[in-house]
Amino acid sequence: VQLQASGGGWVQPGESLTLPCTASGRRFSDYGLGWFRRAPGKVRKFVATISSSGESTYYLDEVEGRFTISRDNAKNTVSLQMNSLKPEDTGVYYCAASSRGYYYTYDGEYDYWGQGTQVTVSS
């Protein structure tokens, strides 16, 4: 599976941004998917995850209620809708896929990673 994240950019606090991630390869619907981010000078951190069926999701506490992860298995895409963005949301965002199909917060459970897309929230 190859993953390609896009949609990053610069936005002001309070604005919204959607990050799509498109996958190539077979059996996309079997994979659990996740989004992680790396803030400047910090380690990569879990943000959101969704199970293979899309029925189960889980979020980092600080983004709960502001971010929504979704997937379209027919289009091989996973998206992260980010609302009410804050400066602390700044970072490089990565999409990832786990062949185990469930949803995971630990990055070691993911087998494939996209290249990352930069999100900057600043006034």
Protein backbone atom coordinates (compact mmCIF):
# COMPACT_ATOMS: atom_id res chain seq x y z
CA VAL A 1 0.00 0.00 0.00
CA GLN A 2 1.27 3.44 -0.90
CA LEU A 3 -0.22 6.47 0.79
CA GLN A 4 -0.25 10.05 -0.46
CA ALA A 5 -1.35 12.80 1.92
CA SER A 6 -2.21 16.28 0.72
CA GLY A 7 -4.24 19.34 1.63
CA GLY A 8 -1.84 20.98 4.04
CA GLY A 9 -1.23 24.69 4.14
CA TRP A 10 -1.25 27.82 6.23
CA VAL A 11 -4.46 28.88 7.99
CA GLN A 12 -5.39 31.31 10.72
CA PRO A 13 -6.62 30.19 14.14
CA GLY A 14 -10.28 29.20 14.06
CA GLU A 15 -10.24 28.20 10.42
CA SER A 16 -10.73 24.76 8.91
CA LEU A 17 -8.72 22.45 6.72
CA THR A 18 -9.29 18.98 5.27
CA LEU A 19 -6.47 16.56 4.67
CA PRO A 20 -7.18 13.78 2.17
CA CYS A 21 -4.96 10.73 1.92
CA THR A 22 -5.21 8.51 -1.12
CA ALA A 23 -4.01 4.92 -1.15
CA SER A 24 -2.87 2.74 -3.97
CA GLY A 25 -2.80 -1.01 -3.77
CA ARG A 26 -5.22 -3.77 -3.07
CA ARG A 27 -7.64 -4.43 -0.24
CA PHE A 28 -7.74 -0.90 1.11
CA SER A 29 -10.97 -1.77 2.94
CA ASP A 30 -9.08 -4.31 5.09
CA TYR A 31 -6.80 -1.71 6.64
CA GLY A 32 -7.18 0.24 9.82
CA LEU A 33 -6.13 3.85 9.18
CA GLY A 34 -4.74 6.64 11.24
CA TRP A 35 -3.45 10.20 11.26
CA PHE A 36 -0.41 11.28 13.24
CA ARG A 37 1.38 14.60 13.48
CA ARG A 38 4.84 15.82 14.33
CA ALA A 39 4.94 19.25 15.89
CA PRO A 40 8.16 21.28 15.53
CA GLY A 41 10.83 19.85 17.80
CA LYS A 42 8.60 17.06 19.08
CA VAL A 43 8.05 13.38 18.41
CA ARG A 44 5.32 12.09 16.16
CA LYS A 45 2.00 11.80 17.98
CA PHE A 46 -1.30 10.04 17.39
CA VAL A 47 -4.22 12.23 16.26
CA ALA A 48 -7.08 10.04 15.01
CA THR A 49 -7.82 6.52 13.85
CA ILE A 50 -10.59 4.61 12.10
CA SER A 51 -11.28 0.91 11.76
CA SER A 52 -11.44 -0.93 8.46
CA SER A 53 -15.26 -0.79 8.36
CA GLY A 54 -15.35 2.84 9.39
CA GLU A 55 -17.64 2.04 12.30
CA SER A 56 -15.10 2.78 15.02
CA THR A 57 -13.04 5.91 15.50
CA TYR A 58 -10.85 7.27 18.26
CA TYR A 59 -9.24 10.68 18.77
CA LEU A 60 -6.54 12.40 20.73
CA ASP A 61 -8.30 14.20 23.57
CA GLU A 62 -7.17 17.64 22.49
CA VAL A 63 -8.73 17.26 19.02
CA GLU A 64 -11.91 15.46 20.07
CA GLY A 65 -14.92 17.44 18.83
CA ARG A 66 -12.84 19.51 16.41
CA PHE A 67 -11.40 16.85 14.09
CA THR A 68 -13.25 14.12 12.20
CA ILE A 69 -11.65 11.15 10.52
CA SER A 70 -13.56 9.41 7.73
CA ARG A 71 -12.90 6.94 4.96
CA ASP A 72 -14.30 6.09 1.56
CA ASN A 73 -13.35 2.53 0.75
CA ALA A 74 -14.71 2.83 -2.79
CA LYS A 75 -12.28 5.68 -3.49
CA ASN A 76 -9.37 4.38 -1.37
CA THR A 77 -9.25 7.57 0.65
CA VAL A 78 -9.10 8.56 4.29
CA SER A 79 -9.67 12.17 5.28
CA LEU A 80 -9.10 14.31 8.33
CA GLN A 81 -11.50 17.23 8.64
CA MET A 82 -9.99 19.79 11.02
CA ASN A 83 -12.15 22.60 12.41
CA SER A 84 -11.44 25.39 14.88
CA LEU A 85 -7.74 25.02 14.31
CA LYS A 86 -5.32 26.25 16.95
CA PRO A 87 -1.63 27.17 16.74
CA GLU A 88 -0.80 24.01 18.69
CA ASP A 89 -2.24 21.96 15.80
CA THR A 90 0.74 23.05 13.70
CA GLY A 91 2.88 20.21 12.43
CA VAL A 92 3.49 17.69 9.70
CA TYR A 93 0.52 15.36 9.37
CA TYR A 94 0.99 11.75 8.31
CA CYS A 95 -1.58 9.17 7.27
CA ALA A 96 -0.88 5.54 8.03
CA ALA A 97 -2.36 2.11 7.37
CA SER A 98 -2.43 -1.01 9.53
CA SER A 99 -2.92 -4.41 7.91
CA ARG A 100 -4.55 -5.64 11.12
CA GLY A 101 -7.75 -3.75 10.32
CA TYR A 102 -8.59 -2.48 13.74
CA TYR A 103 -7.95 1.07 14.96
CA TYR A 104 -4.74 1.85 16.83
CA THR A 105 -3.21 4.78 18.65
CA TYR A 106 0.30 3.32 18.74
CA ASP A 107 2.39 4.10 15.66
CA GLY A 108 4.13 0.71 15.90
CA GLU A 109 0.88 -0.95 14.80
CA TYR A 110 1.02 0.73 11.39
CA ASP A 111 2.76 -0.86 8.43
CA TYR A 112 2.57 1.89 5.82
CA TRP A 113 3.06 5.63 6.01
CA GLY A 114 2.45 8.57 3.73
CA GLN A 115 5.06 11.26 3.19
CA GLY A 116 3.41 13.91 5.36
CA THR A 117 1.80 17.26 4.68
CA GLN A 118 2.59 20.48 6.53
CA VAL A 119 -0.15 22.30 8.43
CA THR A 120 0.63 25.72 9.89
CA VAL A 121 -1.87 27.55 12.09
CA SER A 122 -0.80 31.09 12.76
CA SER A 123 -2.12 34.61 12.73
